[in-house]
Amino acid sequence: MKTTAGQVAIELRKLADALDKEPDTVIPRPMVSFYCDDYTSEDKGKSWFLAMVRLLPRPLAKKTNNTSYEIQHGKDDQKSPIWLRAIIDRANVCTVIEPAKPAVYDCPSILSEAEEASLDEF
């Protein structure tokens, strides 16, 4: 299902109206995530991600880890009562320069020569 910014805004207004019924109630700081899972598009969701970033309120911060690229508003800003983020897999926006390499081990023998000789390779 394709969701438009307008459809999300309607649902957020419903939430805002519900919260405004008791505006002084203390609630946990909410997090709203927009995660790109459209891997079928030609650009693997990059245009969607960029459009979402343009829509997020400022200021914004960038965060990357081994699997994702994220733009966020409000996480470390305690003045903001909400944490918003747009997330996309790094594989969809980044180019692998050096692929992961298998580990190379240097393992001293822990068995005696006689024990080693009695073992079969598998």
PDB file of N, CA and C in Angstrom:
ATOM      1  N   MET A   1       0.834  -1.182   0.000  1.00  0.00           N
ATOM      2  CA  MET A   1       0.000   0.000   0.000  1.00  0.00           C
ATOM      3  C   MET A   1       0.877   1.244   0.000  1.00  0.00           C
ATOM      4  N   LYS A   2       0.608   2.130  -0.916  1.00  0.00           N
ATOM      5  CA  LYS A   2       1.316   3.410  -0.958  1.00  0.00           C
ATOM      6  C   LYS A   2       0.608   4.377  -0.018  1.00  0.00           C
ATOM      7  N   THR A   3       1.367   4.975   0.865  1.00  0.00           N
ATOM      8  CA  THR A   3       0.809   5.928   1.821  1.00  0.00           C
ATOM      9  C   THR A   3       1.293   7.321   1.452  1.00  0.00           C
ATOM     10  N   THR A   4       0.380   8.283   1.467  1.00  0.00           N
ATOM     11  CA  THR A   4       0.759   9.653   1.146  1.00  0.00           C
ATOM     12  C   THR A   4       0.977  10.464   2.416  1.00  0.00           C
ATOM     13  N   ALA A   5       1.700  11.554   2.273  1.00  0.00           N
ATOM     14  CA  ALA A   5       1.925  12.452   3.411  1.00  0.00           C
ATOM     15  C   ALA A   5       0.592  12.966   3.956  1.00  0.00           C
ATOM     16  N   GLY A   6      -0.348  13.214   3.081  1.00  0.00           N
ATOM     17  CA  GLY A   6      -1.664  13.691   3.501  1.00  0.00           C
ATOM     18  C   GLY A   6      -2.403  12.675   4.357  1.00  0.00           C
ATOM     19  N   GLN A   7      -2.312  11.391   3.981  1.00  0.00           N
ATOM     20  CA  GLN A   7      -2.966  10.348   4.770  1.00  0.00           C
ATOM     21  C   GLN A   7      -2.350  10.248   6.167  1.00  0.00           C
ATOM     22  N   VAL A   8      -1.029  10.340   6.234  1.00  0.00           N
ATOM     23  CA  VAL A   8      -0.359  10.292   7.535  1.00  0.00           C
ATOM     24  C   VAL A   8      -0.736  11.514   8.360  1.00  0.00           C
ATOM     25  N   ALA A   9      -0.805  12.682   7.730  1.00  0.00           N
ATOM     26  CA  ALA A   9      -1.171  13.906   8.450  1.00  0.00           C
ATOM     27  C   ALA A   9      -2.567  13.790   9.054  1.00  0.00           C
ATOM     28  N   ILE A  10      -3.499  13.172   8.330  1.00  0.00           N
ATOM     29  CA  ILE A  10      -4.859  12.992   8.852  1.00  0.00           C
ATOM     30  C   ILE A  10      -4.824  12.138  10.120  1.00  0.00           C
ATOM     31  N   GLU A  11      -4.070  11.035  10.083  1.00  0.00           N
ATOM     32  CA  GLU A  11      -3.987  10.158  11.257  1.00  0.00           C
ATOM     33  C   GLU A  11      -3.279  10.848  12.419  1.00  0.00           C
ATOM     34  N   LEU A  12      -2.233  11.629  12.129  1.00  0.00           N
ATOM     35  CA  LEU A  12      -1.548  12.359  13.194  1.00  0.00           C
ATOM     36  C   LEU A  12      -2.451  13.425  13.811  1.00  0.00           C
ATOM     37  N   ARG A  13      -3.317  14.044  12.992  1.00  0.00           N
ATOM     38  CA  ARG A  13      -4.267  15.023  13.540  1.00  0.00           C
ATOM     39  C   ARG A  13      -5.265  14.352  14.478  1.00  0.00           C
ATOM     40  N   LYS A  14      -5.683  13.117  14.116  1.00  0.00           N
ATOM     41  CA  LYS A  14      -6.569  12.368  15.009  1.00  0.00           C
ATOM     42  C   LYS A  14      -5.875  12.116  16.347  1.00  0.00           C
ATOM     43  N   LEU A  15      -4.610  11.732  16.288  1.00  0.00           N
ATOM     44  CA  LEU A  15      -3.848  11.510  17.513  1.00  0.00           C
ATOM     45  C   LEU A  15      -3.708  12.811  18.290  1.00  0.00           C
ATOM     46  N   ALA A  16      -3.388  13.907  17.598  1.00  0.00           N
ATOM     47  CA  ALA A  16      -3.245  15.204  18.270  1.00  0.00           C
ATOM     48  C   ALA A  16      -4.563  15.614  18.938  1.00  0.00           C
ATOM     49  N   ASP A  17      -5.675  15.413  18.262  1.00  0.00           N
ATOM     50  CA  ASP A  17      -6.979  15.750  18.855  1.00  0.00           C
ATOM     51  C   ASP A  17      -7.231  14.912  20.106  1.00  0.00           C
ATOM     52  N   ALA A  18      -6.874  13.625  20.066  1.00  0.00           N
ATOM     53  CA  ALA A  18      -7.065  12.767  21.231  1.00  0.00           C
ATOM     54  C   ALA A  18      -6.178  13.226  22.392  1.00  0.00           C
ATOM     55  N   LEU A  19      -4.933  13.583  22.111  1.00  0.00           N
ATOM     56  CA  LEU A  19      -4.018  14.044  23.154  1.00  0.00           C
ATOM     57  C   LEU A  19      -4.458  15.385  23.736  1.00  0.00           C
ATOM     58  N   ASP A  20      -5.036  16.234  22.904  1.00  0.00           N
ATOM     59  CA  ASP A  20      -5.486  17.551  23.365  1.00  0.00           C
ATOM     60  C   ASP A  20      -6.668  17.467  24.335  1.00  0.00           C
ATOM     61  N   LYS A  21      -7.337  16.317  24.431  1.00  0.00           N
ATOM     62  CA  LYS A  21      -8.434  16.168  25.379  1.00  0.00           C
ATOM     63  C   LYS A  21      -7.937  16.239  26.814  1.00  0.00           C
ATOM     64  N   GLU A  22      -6.686  15.821  27.038  1.00  0.00           N
ATOM     65  CA  GLU A  22      -6.065  15.889  28.366  1.00  0.00           C
ATOM     66  C   GLU A  22      -4.620  16.364  28.191  1.00  0.00           C
ATOM     67  N   PRO A  23      -4.425  17.643  27.839  1.00  0.00           N
ATOM     68  CA  PRO A  23      -3.103  18.135  27.470  1.00  0.00           C
ATOM     69  C   PRO A  23      -2.069  18.130  28.593  1.00  0.00           C
ATOM     70  N   ASP A  24      -2.484  18.055  29.837  1.00  0.00           N
ATOM     71  CA  ASP A  24      -1.534  18.070  30.950  1.00  0.00           C
ATOM     72  C   ASP A  24      -1.137  16.674  31.425  1.00  0.00           C
ATOM     73  N   THR A  25      -1.671  15.642  30.799  1.00  0.00           N
ATOM     74  CA  THR A  25      -1.306  14.275  31.156  1.00  0.00           C
ATOM     75  C   THR A  25       0.141  14.012  30.740  1.00  0.00           C
ATOM     76  N   VAL A  26       0.938  13.515  31.664  1.00  0.00           N
ATOM     77  CA  VAL A  26       2.332  13.195  31.358  1.00  0.00           C
ATOM     78  C   VAL A  26       2.370  11.854  30.637  1.00  0.00           C
ATOM     79  N   ILE A  27       3.044  11.830  29.490  1.00  0.00           N
ATOM     80  CA  ILE A  27       3.157  10.601  28.693  1.00  0.00           C
ATOM     81  C   ILE A  27       4.621  10.358  28.356  1.00  0.00           C
ATOM     82  N   PRO A  28       4.987   9.119  28.013  1.00  0.00           N
ATOM     83  CA  PRO A  28       6.357   8.859  27.594  1.00  0.00           C
ATOM     84  C   PRO A  28       6.638   9.556  26.262  1.00  0.00           C
ATOM     85  N   ARG A  29       7.880   9.932  26.060  1.00  0.00           N
ATOM     86  CA  ARG A  29       8.264  10.620  24.822  1.00  0.00           C
ATOM     87  C   ARG A  29       8.084   9.669  23.636  1.00  0.00           C
ATOM     88  N   PRO A  30       7.223  10.009  22.692  1.00  0.00           N
ATOM     89  CA  PRO A  30       6.962   9.099  21.573  1.00  0.00           C
ATOM     90  C   PRO A  30       8.039   9.159  20.489  1.00  0.00           C
ATOM     91  N   MET A  31       8.160   8.042  19.772  1.00  0.00           N
ATOM     92  CA  MET A  31       9.050   7.948  18.625  1.00  0.00           C
ATOM     93  C   MET A  31       8.210   7.545  17.415  1.00  0.00           C
ATOM     94  N   VAL A  32       8.349   8.295  16.337  1.00  0.00           N
ATOM     95  CA  VAL A  32       7.665   7.973  15.094  1.00  0.00           C
ATOM     96  C   VAL A  32       8.732   7.668  14.060  1.00  0.00           C
ATOM     97  N   SER A  33       8.684   6.469  13.491  1.00  0.00           N
ATOM     98  CA  SER A  33       9.673   6.045  12.501  1.00  0.00           C
ATOM     99  C   SER A  33       9.020   5.875  11.141  1.00  0.00           C
ATOM    100  N   PHE A  34       9.694   6.377  10.136  1.00  0.00           N
ATOM    101  CA  PHE A  34       9.280   6.183   8.748  1.00  0.00           C
ATOM    102  C   PHE A  34      10.363   5.318   8.119  1.00  0.00           C
ATOM    103  N   TYR A  35      10.050   4.049   7.880  1.00  0.00           N
ATOM    104  CA  TYR A  35      11.041   3.093   7.401  1.00  0.00           C
ATOM    105  C   TYR A  35      10.745   2.730   5.958  1.00  0.00           C
ATOM    106  N   CYS A  36      11.727   2.895   5.105  1.00  0.00           N
ATOM    107  CA  CYS A  36      11.555   2.561   3.693  1.00  0.00           C
ATOM    108  C   CYS A  36      11.718   1.064   3.507  1.00  0.00           C
ATOM    109  N   ASP A  37      10.654   0.406   3.078  1.00  0.00           N
ATOM    110  CA  ASP A  37      10.749  -1.022   2.799  1.00  0.00           C
ATOM    111  C   ASP A  37      10.343  -1.322   1.349  1.00  0.00           C
ATOM    112  N   ASP A  38      10.406  -0.301   0.491  1.00  0.00           N
ATOM    113  CA  ASP A  38      10.067  -0.473  -0.923  1.00  0.00           C
ATOM    114  C   ASP A  38      11.340  -0.783  -1.701  1.00  0.00           C
ATOM    115  N   TYR A  39      11.706  -2.061  -1.730  1.00  0.00           N
ATOM    116  CA  TYR A  39      12.917  -2.459  -2.437  1.00  0.00           C
ATOM    117  C   TYR A  39      12.658  -2.726  -3.909  1.00  0.00           C
ATOM    118  N   THR A  40      11.409  -2.612  -4.324  1.00  0.00           N
ATOM    119  CA  THR A  40      11.068  -2.935  -5.703  1.00  0.00           C
ATOM    120  C   THR A  40      11.223  -1.739  -6.631  1.00  0.00           C
ATOM    121  N   SER A  41      11.297  -0.531  -6.074  1.00  0.00           N
ATOM    122  CA  SER A  41      11.432   0.638  -6.932  1.00  0.00           C
ATOM    123  C   SER A  41      12.819   0.666  -7.565  1.00  0.00           C
ATOM    124  N   GLU A  42      12.934   1.386  -8.667  1.00  0.00           N
ATOM    125  CA  GLU A  42      14.203   1.425  -9.402  1.00  0.00           C
ATOM    126  C   GLU A  42      15.356   1.947  -8.553  1.00  0.00           C
ATOM    127  N   ASP A  43      15.087   2.923  -7.705  1.00  0.00           N
ATOM    128  CA  ASP A  43      16.164   3.484  -6.867  1.00  0.00           C
ATOM    129  C   ASP A  43      16.182   2.885  -5.463  1.00  0.00           C
ATOM    130  N   LYS A  44      15.470   1.777  -5.268  1.00  0.00           N
ATOM    131  CA  LYS A  44      15.423   1.043  -3.994  1.00  0.00           C
ATOM    132  C   LYS A  44      14.968   1.909  -2.825  1.00  0.00           C
ATOM    133  N   GLY A  45      14.100   2.864  -3.086  1.00  0.00           N
ATOM    134  CA  GLY A  45      13.535   3.685  -2.023  1.00  0.00           C
ATOM    135  C   GLY A  45      14.286   4.966  -1.730  1.00  0.00           C
ATOM    136  N   LYS A  46      15.360   5.238  -2.453  1.00  0.00           N
ATOM    137  CA  LYS A  46      16.152   6.439  -2.177  1.00  0.00           C
ATOM    138  C   LYS A  46      15.333   7.713  -2.369  1.00  0.00           C
ATOM    139  N   SER A  47      14.513   7.797  -3.413  1.00  0.00           N
ATOM    140  CA  SER A  47      13.722   9.013  -3.643  1.00  0.00           C
ATOM    141  C   SER A  47      12.681   9.183  -2.532  1.00  0.00           C
ATOM    142  N   TRP A  48      12.079   8.064  -2.089  1.00  0.00           N
ATOM    143  CA  TRP A  48      11.141   8.140  -0.969  1.00  0.00           C
ATOM    144  C   TRP A  48      11.836   8.684   0.270  1.00  0.00           C
ATOM    145  N   PHE A  49      13.015   8.154   0.575  1.00  0.00           N
ATOM    146  CA  PHE A  49      13.762   8.564   1.763  1.00  0.00           C
ATOM    147  C   PHE A  49      14.081  10.055   1.698  1.00  0.00           C
ATOM    148  N   LEU A  50      14.559  10.529   0.550  1.00  0.00           N
ATOM    149  CA  LEU A  50      14.894  11.950   0.399  1.00  0.00           C
ATOM    150  C   LEU A  50      13.658  12.834   0.550  1.00  0.00           C
ATOM    151  N   ALA A  51      12.525  12.390   0.020  1.00  0.00           N
ATOM    152  CA  ALA A  51      11.285  13.156   0.170  1.00  0.00           C
ATOM    153  C   ALA A  51      10.886  13.237   1.641  1.00  0.00           C
ATOM    154  N   MET A  52      11.032  12.133   2.367  1.00  0.00           N
ATOM    155  CA  MET A  52      10.683  12.117   3.791  1.00  0.00           C
ATOM    156  C   MET A  52      11.598  13.049   4.576  1.00  0.00           C
ATOM    157  N   VAL A  53      12.886  13.038   4.253  1.00  0.00           N
ATOM    158  CA  VAL A  53      13.838  13.918   4.943  1.00  0.00           C
ATOM    159  C   VAL A  53      13.474  15.384   4.710  1.00  0.00           C
ATOM    160  N   ARG A  54      13.049  15.721   3.496  1.00  0.00           N
ATOM    161  CA  ARG A  54      12.645  17.104   3.215  1.00  0.00           C
ATOM    162  C   ARG A  54      11.438  17.516   4.052  1.00  0.00           C
ATOM    163  N   LEU A  55      10.579  16.560   4.395  1.00  0.00           N
ATOM    164  CA  LEU A  55       9.360  16.869   5.153  1.00  0.00           C
ATOM    165  C   LEU A  55       9.574  16.948   6.661  1.00  0.00           C
ATOM    166  N   LEU A  56      10.627  16.330   7.183  1.00  0.00           N
ATOM    167  CA  LEU A  56      10.841  16.335   8.633  1.00  0.00           C
ATOM    168  C   LEU A  56      11.169  17.739   9.133  1.00  0.00           C
ATOM    169  N   PRO A  57      10.693  18.078  10.332  1.00  0.00           N
ATOM    170  CA  PRO A  57      11.026  19.391  10.900  1.00  0.00           C
ATOM    171  C   PRO A  57      12.513  19.468  11.250  1.00  0.00           C
ATOM    172  N   ARG A  58      13.024  20.669  11.234  1.00  0.00           N
ATOM    173  CA  ARG A  58      14.434  20.905  11.576  1.00  0.00           C
ATOM    174  C   ARG A  58      14.567  21.238  13.040  1.00  0.00           C
ATOM    175  N   PRO A  59      15.701  21.043  13.694  1.00  0.00           N
ATOM    176  CA  PRO A  59      16.971  20.564  13.157  1.00  0.00           C
ATOM    177  C   PRO A  59      16.963  19.048  12.995  1.00  0.00           C
ATOM    178  N   LEU A  60      17.877  18.555  12.134  1.00  0.00           N
ATOM    179  CA  LEU A  60      18.005  17.131  11.873  1.00  0.00           C
ATOM    180  C   LEU A  60      19.418  16.668  12.192  1.00  0.00           C
ATOM    181  N   ALA A  61      19.539  15.395  12.493  1.00  0.00           N
ATOM    182  CA  ALA A  61      20.848  14.779  12.726  1.00  0.00           C
ATOM    183  C   ALA A  61      20.917  13.496  11.921  1.00  0.00           C
ATOM    184  N   LYS A  62      22.141  13.098  11.566  1.00  0.00           N
ATOM    185  CA  LYS A  62      22.363  11.881  10.798  1.00  0.00           C
ATOM    186  C   LYS A  62      22.960  10.808  11.703  1.00  0.00           C
ATOM    187  N   LYS A  63      22.521   9.575  11.502  1.00  0.00           N
ATOM    188  CA  LYS A  63      23.066   8.446  12.249  1.00  0.00           C
ATOM    189  C   LYS A  63      23.217   7.277  11.282  1.00  0.00           C
ATOM    190  N   THR A  64      24.349   6.598  11.341  1.00  0.00           N
ATOM    191  CA  THR A  64      24.529   5.394  10.535  1.00  0.00           C
ATOM    192  C   THR A  64      25.020   4.273  11.438  1.00  0.00           C
ATOM    193  N   ASN A  65      24.682   3.062  11.055  1.00  0.00           N
ATOM    194  CA  ASN A  65      25.239   1.891  11.724  1.00  0.00           C
ATOM    195  C   ASN A  65      25.528   0.852  10.650  1.00  0.00           C
ATOM    196  N   ASN A  66      25.781  -0.375  11.026  1.00  0.00           N
ATOM    197  CA  ASN A  66      26.155  -1.402  10.047  1.00  0.00           C
ATOM    198  C   ASN A  66      25.072  -1.699   9.030  1.00  0.00           C
ATOM    199  N   THR A  67      23.823  -1.443   9.375  1.00  0.00           N
ATOM    200  CA  THR A  67      22.744  -1.847   8.476  1.00  0.00           C
ATOM    201  C   THR A  67      21.854  -0.711   7.973  1.00  0.00           C
ATOM    202  N   SER A  68      21.850   0.434   8.656  1.00  0.00           N
ATOM    203  CA  SER A  68      20.901   1.473   8.251  1.00  0.00           C
ATOM    204  C   SER A  68      21.507   2.873   8.232  1.00  0.00           C
ATOM    205  N   TYR A  69      20.822   3.737   7.497  1.00  0.00           N
ATOM    206  CA  TYR A  69      21.132   5.157   7.392  1.00  0.00           C
ATOM    207  C   TYR A  69      19.885   5.860   7.901  1.00  0.00           C
ATOM    208  N   GLU A  70      20.066   6.782   8.823  1.00  0.00           N
ATOM    209  CA  GLU A  70      18.913   7.372   9.504  1.00  0.00           C
ATOM    210  C   GLU A  70      19.073   8.883   9.635  1.00  0.00           C
ATOM    211  N   ILE A  71      17.995   9.587   9.386  1.00  0.00           N
ATOM    212  CA  ILE A  71      17.920  11.026   9.655  1.00  0.00           C
ATOM    213  C   ILE A  71      16.882  11.186  10.753  1.00  0.00           C
ATOM    214  N   GLN A  72      17.230  11.947  11.794  1.00  0.00           N
ATOM    215  CA  GLN A  72      16.310  12.050  12.932  1.00  0.00           C
ATOM    216  C   GLN A  72      16.151  13.478  13.428  1.00  0.00           C
ATOM    217  N   HIS A  73      15.006  13.708  14.021  1.00  0.00           N
ATOM    218  CA  HIS A  73      14.678  14.984  14.645  1.00  0.00           C
ATOM    219  C   HIS A  73      14.286  14.696  16.082  1.00  0.00           C
ATOM    220  N   GLY A  74      14.929  15.372  17.012  1.00  0.00           N
ATOM    221  CA  GLY A  74      14.470  15.355  18.386  1.00  0.00           C
ATOM    222  C   GLY A  74      15.030  14.307  19.310  1.00  0.00           C
ATOM    223  N   LYS A  75      15.842  13.372  18.858  1.00  0.00           N
ATOM    224  CA  LYS A  75      16.299  12.327  19.775  1.00  0.00           C
ATOM    225  C   LYS A  75      17.143  12.882  20.910  1.00  0.00           C
ATOM    226  N   ASP A  76      18.136  13.668  20.578  1.00  0.00           N
ATOM    227  CA  ASP A  76      19.020  14.199  21.611  1.00  0.00           C
ATOM    228  C   ASP A  76      18.644  15.608  22.054  1.00  0.00           C
ATOM    229  N   ASP A  77      17.611  16.133  21.441  1.00  0.00           N
ATOM    230  CA  ASP A  77      17.139  17.472  21.778  1.00  0.00           C
ATOM    231  C   ASP A  77      16.016  17.349  22.808  1.00  0.00           C
ATOM    232  N   GLN A  78      16.341  17.504  24.065  1.00  0.00           N
ATOM    233  CA  GLN A  78      15.341  17.313  25.115  1.00  0.00           C
ATOM    234  C   GLN A  78      14.243  18.384  25.067  1.00  0.00           C
ATOM    235  N   LYS A  79      14.421  19.411  24.254  1.00  0.00           N
ATOM    236  CA  LYS A  79      13.379  20.423  24.098  1.00  0.00           C
ATOM    237  C   LYS A  79      12.238  19.907  23.224  1.00  0.00           C
ATOM    238  N   SER A  80      12.531  18.927  22.401  1.00  0.00           N
ATOM    239  CA  SER A  80      11.514  18.373  21.510  1.00  0.00           C
ATOM    240  C   SER A  80      10.748  17.266  22.231  1.00  0.00           C
ATOM    241  N   PRO A  81       9.427  17.338  22.277  1.00  0.00           N
ATOM    242  CA  PRO A  81       8.650  16.320  22.973  1.00  0.00           C
ATOM    243  C   PRO A  81       8.428  15.046  22.148  1.00  0.00           C
ATOM    244  N   ILE A  82       8.995  14.985  20.944  1.00  0.00           N
ATOM    245  CA  ILE A  82       8.794  13.820  20.077  1.00  0.00           C
ATOM    246  C   ILE A  82      10.084  13.521  19.326  1.00  0.00           C
ATOM    247  N   TRP A  83      10.292  12.255  19.039  1.00  0.00           N
ATOM    248  CA  TRP A  83      11.464  11.821  18.275  1.00  0.00           C
ATOM    249  C   TRP A  83      10.961  11.279  16.946  1.00  0.00           C
ATOM    250  N   LEU A  84      11.388  11.897  15.857  1.00  0.00           N
ATOM    251  CA  LEU A  84      10.986  11.501  14.513  1.00  0.00           C
ATOM    252  C   LEU A  84      12.209  10.985  13.762  1.00  0.00           C
ATOM    253  N   ARG A  85      12.023   9.947  12.953  1.00  0.00           N
ATOM    254  CA  ARG A  85      13.167   9.466  12.181  1.00  0.00           C
ATOM    255  C   ARG A  85      12.729   8.821  10.876  1.00  0.00           C
ATOM    256  N   ALA A  86      13.575   8.998   9.866  1.00  0.00           N
ATOM    257  CA  ALA A  86      13.413   8.340   8.576  1.00  0.00           C
ATOM    258  C   ALA A  86      14.596   7.396   8.426  1.00  0.00           C
ATOM    259  N   ILE A  87      14.311   6.142   8.071  1.00  0.00           N
ATOM    260  CA  ILE A  87      15.339   5.110   8.034  1.00  0.00           C
ATOM    261  C   ILE A  87      15.294   4.375   6.701  1.00  0.00           C
ATOM    262  N   ILE A  88      16.490   4.085   6.172  1.00  0.00           N
ATOM    263  CA  ILE A  88      16.611   3.264   4.965  1.00  0.00           C
ATOM    264  C   ILE A  88      17.827   2.365   5.141  1.00  0.00           C
ATOM    265  N   ASP A  89      17.768   1.176   4.562  1.00  0.00           N
ATOM    266  CA  ASP A  89      18.912   0.272   4.628  1.00  0.00           C
ATOM    267  C   ASP A  89      20.095   0.896   3.899  1.00  0.00           C
ATOM    268  N   ARG A  90      21.275   0.786   4.491  1.00  0.00           N
ATOM    269  CA  ARG A  90      22.479   1.338   3.870  1.00  0.00           C
ATOM    270  C   ARG A  90      22.726   0.736   2.498  1.00  0.00           C
ATOM    271  N   ALA A  91      22.389  -0.535   2.320  1.00  0.00           N
ATOM    272  CA  ALA A  91      22.600  -1.189   1.029  1.00  0.00           C
ATOM    273  C   ALA A  91      21.819  -0.505  -0.085  1.00  0.00           C
ATOM    274  N   ASN A  92      20.769   0.248   0.252  1.00  0.00           N
ATOM    275  CA  ASN A  92      19.951   0.926  -0.756  1.00  0.00           C
ATOM    276  C   ASN A  92      20.467   2.308  -1.120  1.00  0.00           C
ATOM    277  N   VAL A  93      21.369   2.870  -0.331  1.00  0.00           N
ATOM    278  CA  VAL A  93      21.862   4.219  -0.620  1.00  0.00           C
ATOM    279  C   VAL A  93      23.381   4.302  -0.679  1.00  0.00           C
ATOM    280  N   CYS A  94      24.060   3.245  -0.297  1.00  0.00           N
ATOM    281  CA  CYS A  94      25.516   3.272  -0.248  1.00  0.00           C
ATOM    282  C   CYS A  94      26.096   2.265  -1.239  1.00  0.00           C
ATOM    283  N   THR A  95      27.333   2.496  -1.621  1.00  0.00           N
ATOM    284  CA  THR A  95      28.059   1.577  -2.471  1.00  0.00           C
ATOM    285  C   THR A  95      29.099   0.864  -1.625  1.00  0.00           C
ATOM    286  N   VAL A  96      29.132  -0.456  -1.737  1.00  0.00           N
ATOM    287  CA  VAL A  96      30.122  -1.222  -0.991  1.00  0.00           C
ATOM    288  C   VAL A  96      31.487  -0.994  -1.642  1.00  0.00           C
ATOM    289  N   ILE A  97      32.408  -0.451  -0.867  1.00  0.00           N
ATOM    290  CA  ILE A  97      33.761  -0.198  -1.365  1.00  0.00           C
ATOM    291  C   ILE A  97      34.649  -1.412  -1.110  1.00  0.00           C
ATOM    292  N   GLU A  98      34.515  -1.976   0.066  1.00  0.00           N
ATOM    293  CA  GLU A  98      35.293  -3.159   0.418  1.00  0.00           C
ATOM    294  C   GLU A  98      34.357  -4.122   1.128  1.00  0.00           C
ATOM    295  N   PRO A  99      34.026  -5.241   0.465  1.00  0.00           N
ATOM    296  CA  PRO A  99      33.111  -6.184   1.104  1.00  0.00           C
ATOM    297  C   PRO A  99      33.731  -6.818   2.340  1.00  0.00           C
ATOM    298  N   ALA A 100      32.871  -7.333   3.177  1.00  0.00           N
ATOM    299  CA  ALA A 100      33.352  -8.001   4.388  1.00  0.00           C
ATOM    300  C   ALA A 100      34.272  -9.146   3.997  1.00  0.00           C
ATOM    301  N   LYS A 101      35.293  -9.313   4.778  1.00  0.00           N
ATOM    302  CA  LYS A 101      36.263 -10.370   4.504  1.00  0.00           C
ATOM    303  C   LYS A 101      36.130 -11.444   5.576  1.00  0.00           C
ATOM    304  N   PRO A 102      36.362 -12.705   5.179  1.00  0.00           N
ATOM    305  CA  PRO A 102      36.349 -13.758   6.189  1.00  0.00           C
ATOM    306  C   PRO A 102      37.509 -13.570   7.160  1.00  0.00           C
ATOM    307  N   ALA A 103      37.289 -13.954   8.375  1.00  0.00           N
ATOM    308  CA  ALA A 103      38.333 -13.844   9.389  1.00  0.00           C
ATOM    309  C   ALA A 103      39.485 -14.790   9.073  1.00  0.00           C
ATOM    310  N   VAL A 104      40.698 -14.366   9.404  1.00  0.00           N
ATOM    311  CA  VAL A 104      41.885 -15.197   9.263  1.00  0.00           C
ATOM    312  C   VAL A 104      42.405 -15.467  10.667  1.00  0.00           C
ATOM    313  N   TYR A 105      42.564 -16.749  10.989  1.00  0.00           N
ATOM    314  CA  TYR A 105      42.977 -17.127  12.337  1.00  0.00           C
ATOM    315  C   TYR A 105      44.382 -17.712  12.342  1.00  0.00           C
ATOM    316  N   ASP A 106      45.093 -17.463  13.407  1.00  0.00           N
ATOM    317  CA  ASP A 106      46.360 -18.122  13.692  1.00  0.00           C
ATOM    318  C   ASP A 106      46.120 -18.888  14.981  1.00  0.00           C
ATOM    319  N   CYS A 107      45.963 -20.201  14.862  1.00  0.00           N
ATOM    320  CA  CYS A 107      45.591 -21.008  16.026  1.00  0.00           C
ATOM    321  C   CYS A 107      46.700 -21.997  16.373  1.00  0.00           C
ATOM    322  N   PRO A 108      47.301 -21.828  17.525  1.00  0.00           N
ATOM    323  CA  PRO A 108      48.286 -22.826  17.946  1.00  0.00           C
ATOM    324  C   PRO A 108      47.572 -24.129  18.278  1.00  0.00           C
ATOM    325  N   SER A 109      48.253 -25.234  18.066  1.00  0.00           N
ATOM    326  CA  SER A 109      47.661 -26.528  18.356  1.00  0.00           C
ATOM    327  C   SER A 109      47.448 -26.662  19.860  1.00  0.00           C
ATOM    328  N   ILE A 110      46.273 -27.118  20.235  1.00  0.00           N
ATOM    329  CA  ILE A 110      45.990 -27.331  21.661  1.00  0.00           C
ATOM    330  C   ILE A 110      46.009 -28.813  22.001  1.00  0.00           C
ATOM    331  N   LEU A 111      46.189 -29.641  20.968  1.00  0.00           N
ATOM    332  CA  LEU A 111      46.233 -31.085  21.165  1.00  0.00           C
ATOM    333  C   LEU A 111      47.668 -31.575  21.019  1.00  0.00           C
ATOM    334  N   SER A 112      47.949 -32.722  21.588  1.00  0.00           N
ATOM    335  CA  SER A 112      49.275 -33.322  21.412  1.00  0.00           C
ATOM    336  C   SER A 112      49.379 -33.851  19.985  1.00  0.00           C
ATOM    337  N   GLU A 113      50.605 -34.169  19.542  1.00  0.00           N
ATOM    338  CA  GLU A 113      50.789 -34.717  18.200  1.00  0.00           C
ATOM    339  C   GLU A 113      50.013 -36.013  18.035  1.00  0.00           C
ATOM    340  N   ALA A 114      49.999 -36.850  19.074  1.00  0.00           N
ATOM    341  CA  ALA A 114      49.278 -38.122  19.011  1.00  0.00           C
ATOM    342  C   ALA A 114      47.771 -37.881  18.890  1.00  0.00           C
ATOM    343  N   GLU A 115      47.249 -36.897  19.633  1.00  0.00           N
ATOM    344  CA  GLU A 115      45.814 -36.576  19.547  1.00  0.00           C
ATOM    345  C   GLU A 115      45.463 -36.022  18.178  1.00  0.00           C
ATOM    346  N   GLU A 116      46.307 -35.141  17.653  1.00  0.00           N
ATOM    347  CA  GLU A 116      46.085 -34.591  16.309  1.00  0.00           C
ATOM    348  C   GLU A 116      46.065 -35.707  15.279  1.00  0.00           C
ATOM    349  N   ALA A 117      46.989 -36.653  15.380  1.00  0.00           N
ATOM    350  CA  ALA A 117      47.106 -37.735  14.418  1.00  0.00           C
ATOM    351  C   ALA A 117      45.880 -38.639  14.437  1.00  0.00           C
ATOM    352  N   SER A 118      45.206 -38.722  15.575  1.00  0.00           N
ATOM    353  CA  SER A 118      44.046 -39.622  15.680  1.00  0.00           C
ATOM    354  C   SER A 118      42.756 -39.007  15.130  1.00  0.00           C
ATOM    355  N   LEU A 119      42.804 -37.751  14.771  1.00  0.00           N
ATOM    356  CA  LEU A 119      41.601 -37.059  14.302  1.00  0.00           C
ATOM    357  C   LEU A 119      41.413 -37.217  12.806  1.00  0.00           C
ATOM    358  N   ASP A 120      40.154 -37.267  12.365  1.00  0.00           N
ATOM    359  CA  ASP A 120      39.816 -37.259  10.963  1.00  0.00           C
ATOM    360  C   ASP A 120      39.453 -35.825  10.573  1.00  0.00           C
ATOM    361  N   GLU A 121      39.713 -35.444   9.331  1.00  0.00           N
ATOM    362  CA  GLU A 121      39.296 -34.140   8.816  1.00  0.00           C
ATOM    363  C   GLU A 121      37.835 -34.213   8.398  1.00  0.00           C
ATOM    364  N   PHE A 122      37.113 -33.162   8.590  1.00  0.00           N
ATOM    365  CA  PHE A 122      35.737 -33.106   8.077  1.00  0.00           C
ATOM    366  C   PHE A 122      35.498 -31.807   7.388  1.00  0.00           C
TER     367      PHE A 122
END
